[in-house]
Protein backbone atom coordinates (compact mmCIF):
# COMPACT_ATOMS: atom_id res chain seq x y z
CA MET A 1 113.51 177.38 93.94
CA SER A 2 112.82 179.07 97.27
CA THR A 3 112.26 182.79 97.13
CA ILE A 4 113.11 184.49 100.41
CA ALA A 5 112.06 187.96 99.34
CA SER A 6 111.43 189.58 96.01
CA LYS A 7 110.14 193.12 96.10
CA GLU A 8 112.23 194.47 93.23
CA LEU A 9 115.47 192.52 93.50
CA LEU A 10 115.25 188.75 93.09
CA ILE A 11 116.57 186.84 96.11
CA VAL A 12 116.78 183.04 95.97
CA SER A 13 118.30 180.38 98.20
CA THR A 14 119.52 178.35 95.21
CA PRO A 15 122.96 178.88 93.61
CA THR A 16 121.40 179.71 90.22
CA VAL A 17 118.11 180.98 88.79
CA PRO A 18 116.62 178.43 86.35
CA GLY A 19 116.29 179.89 82.85
CA TRP A 20 118.75 182.69 83.59
CA LYS A 21 122.53 182.85 83.41
CA ILE A 22 124.80 184.73 85.77
CA SER A 23 126.64 187.29 83.67
CA GLN A 24 128.49 189.04 86.48
CA THR A 25 129.30 188.22 90.10
CA PHE A 26 129.80 191.09 92.53
CA GLY A 27 130.51 189.08 95.66
CA LEU A 28 129.13 188.56 99.14
CA VAL A 29 126.41 190.83 100.47
CA SER A 30 124.91 190.69 103.92
CA GLY A 31 122.38 192.35 106.13
CA GLU A 32 122.04 192.15 109.87
CA SER A 33 119.43 193.11 112.43
CA ALA A 34 119.29 192.54 116.18
CA PHE A 35 116.59 192.86 118.78
CA ALA A 36 116.17 192.41 122.51
CA THR A 37 112.95 191.45 124.22
CA GLY A 38 113.50 193.20 127.56
CA PRO A 39 111.59 192.43 130.77
CA ILE A 40 108.10 193.36 129.46
CA GLY A 41 108.66 191.36 126.29
CA ASP A 42 109.87 188.41 128.36
CA LEU A 43 106.66 188.58 130.42
CA SER A 44 104.44 188.70 127.32
CA ILE A 45 106.34 185.83 125.69
CA GLY A 46 106.16 183.81 128.91
CA LEU A 47 102.38 184.29 129.19
CA ASP A 48 101.83 183.28 125.56
CA ALA A 49 103.98 180.18 126.06
CA MET A 50 102.16 179.19 129.30
CA LEU A 51 98.77 179.51 127.61
CA GLY A 52 99.95 177.13 124.90
CA GLY A 53 99.42 179.49 122.01
CA GLN A 54 101.74 180.93 119.46
CA VAL A 55 104.24 183.38 120.92
CA SER A 56 102.92 186.23 118.78
CA ALA A 57 105.11 188.98 120.25
CA MET A 58 108.29 187.02 119.51
CA THR A 59 107.04 185.97 116.07
CA THR A 60 106.48 189.62 115.20
CA LEU A 61 109.93 190.66 116.48
CA VAL A 62 111.68 187.89 114.54
CA GLY A 63 109.75 188.68 111.35
CA GLU A 64 110.55 192.39 111.54
CA ALA A 65 114.24 191.70 112.22
CA ARG A 66 114.39 189.28 109.26
CA ASP A 67 112.72 191.87 106.99
CA ARG A 68 115.28 194.51 108.05
CA ALA A 69 118.19 192.14 107.41
CA VAL A 70 116.82 191.16 103.97
CA PHE A 71 116.29 194.83 103.16
CA SER A 72 119.91 195.65 104.09
CA ALA A 73 121.24 192.84 101.88
CA ARG A 74 119.02 194.03 98.99
CA GLU A 75 120.26 197.59 99.44
CA ALA A 76 123.90 196.42 99.39
CA ALA A 77 123.28 194.43 96.19
CA PHE A 78 121.57 197.41 94.50
CA ARG A 79 124.56 199.62 95.34
CA LEU A 80 126.87 197.13 93.61
CA GLY A 81 124.74 197.06 90.45
CA ALA A 82 123.30 193.57 90.95
CA ASN A 83 119.78 192.57 89.97
CA ALA A 84 119.67 189.36 92.04
CA ILE A 85 121.10 187.64 95.11
CA VAL A 86 121.73 183.89 94.85
CA GLY A 87 122.62 181.37 97.54
CA CYS A 88 120.78 183.41 100.14
CA ALA A 89 120.72 182.10 103.71
CA VAL A 90 119.05 183.46 106.83
CA ASP A 91 120.71 182.70 110.17
CA TYR A 92 119.52 183.36 113.72
CA GLU A 93 121.82 183.59 116.74
CA THR A 94 120.80 184.27 120.34
CA ILE A 95 123.32 185.90 122.66
CA SER A 96 122.04 186.58 126.17
CA ARG A 97 118.79 188.56 125.65
CA PHE A 98 119.65 189.61 122.11
CA THR A 99 118.78 187.83 118.89
CA LEU A 100 120.82 188.55 115.77
CA VAL A 101 119.34 187.85 112.35
CA SER A 102 121.80 187.77 109.45
CA VAL A 103 121.13 187.36 105.75
CA THR A 104 123.98 186.49 103.39
CA GLY A 105 124.18 185.74 99.70
CA THR A 106 126.07 186.47 96.50
CA ALA A 107 125.14 189.60 94.55
CA VAL A 108 124.94 188.81 90.83
CA ARG A 109 123.67 190.16 87.54
CA ILE A 110 121.40 187.70 85.74
CA GLU A 111 120.49 187.73 82.04
CA SER A 112 118.36 185.75 79.66
CA ASP A 113 118.10 185.57 75.87
CA HIS A 114 114.34 186.11 76.01
CA GLU A 115 113.81 188.48 78.92
CA THR A 116 115.37 191.38 80.79
CA TYR A 117 115.20 191.59 84.57
CA GLU A 118 115.83 195.09 85.86
CA PRO A 119 114.94 195.86 89.46
CA LYS A 120 113.56 199.27 90.28
CA THR A 121 116.33 201.67 91.25
CA PRO A 122 116.00 202.83 94.86
CA SER A 123 114.98 206.45 95.14
CA PRO A 124 115.62 208.87 97.98
CA ASP A 125 111.85 209.03 98.52
CA GLY A 126 111.32 205.27 98.61
CA ASP A 127 111.91 202.44 101.07
CA PHE A 128 115.64 203.17 101.21
CA ALA A 129 115.19 206.64 102.69
CA GLU A 130 115.25 207.92 106.21
CA ILE A 131 112.35 210.29 106.78
CA GLN A 132 111.72 213.01 109.29
CA CYS A 133 109.34 212.37 112.18
CA GLN A 134 106.36 214.71 111.97
CA ARG A 135 106.04 214.85 115.76
CA CYS A 136 109.59 215.45 117.05
CA GLY A 137 111.53 216.27 113.87
CA LEU A 138 114.22 213.59 114.28
CA LYS A 139 115.10 211.10 111.54
CA ILE A 140 113.28 207.75 111.42
CA PRO A 141 115.71 205.11 110.10
CA ARG A 142 114.71 203.16 107.02
CA LEU A 143 112.32 200.28 107.65
CA GLU A 144 111.57 201.41 111.19
CA PRO A 145 107.80 201.51 111.73
CA HIS A 146 108.04 204.12 114.51
CA CYS A 147 110.26 207.02 115.54
CA PRO A 148 112.90 205.71 117.97
CA HIS A 149 112.68 208.95 119.99
CA CYS A 150 108.94 209.61 120.44
CA ALA A 151 107.37 206.37 119.09
CA ALA A 152 105.25 208.24 116.54
CA PRO A 153 104.25 206.04 113.58
CA ARG A 154 106.26 206.40 110.37
CA PRO A 155 104.30 208.52 107.87
CA ASP A 156 103.41 206.76 104.62
């Protein structure tokens, strides 16, 4: 069984969870995230590639985009009342200078005779919340590490 992410809600790439039965199926959930490198990013990526090392800037961008997409799928499943996502797949598509990361799966409720699996309910103060930037006062979208307006770091 391959676990793609499992903070509170179980997400697996397999169609079932061994030892658990699917008691309710809610349907398809998805999450998407896109990013563009831009000219400075292209230069940094090009230098890393020429030096023969790992393209760390691109690796970071892809990882953050994947995390945002997984988070969005988890949030959608929570809203439906699911406690797991099965059959999860992560796809990457490049269009011009943009890369789209999409996560899809089936939101389900799993049960077992011997154990209960209840994910933590998202709270307005947790990861699912937008918070106010302490520097400029605008909202920082969920999962964004910095304010999109003034680039101030997200407060913990």
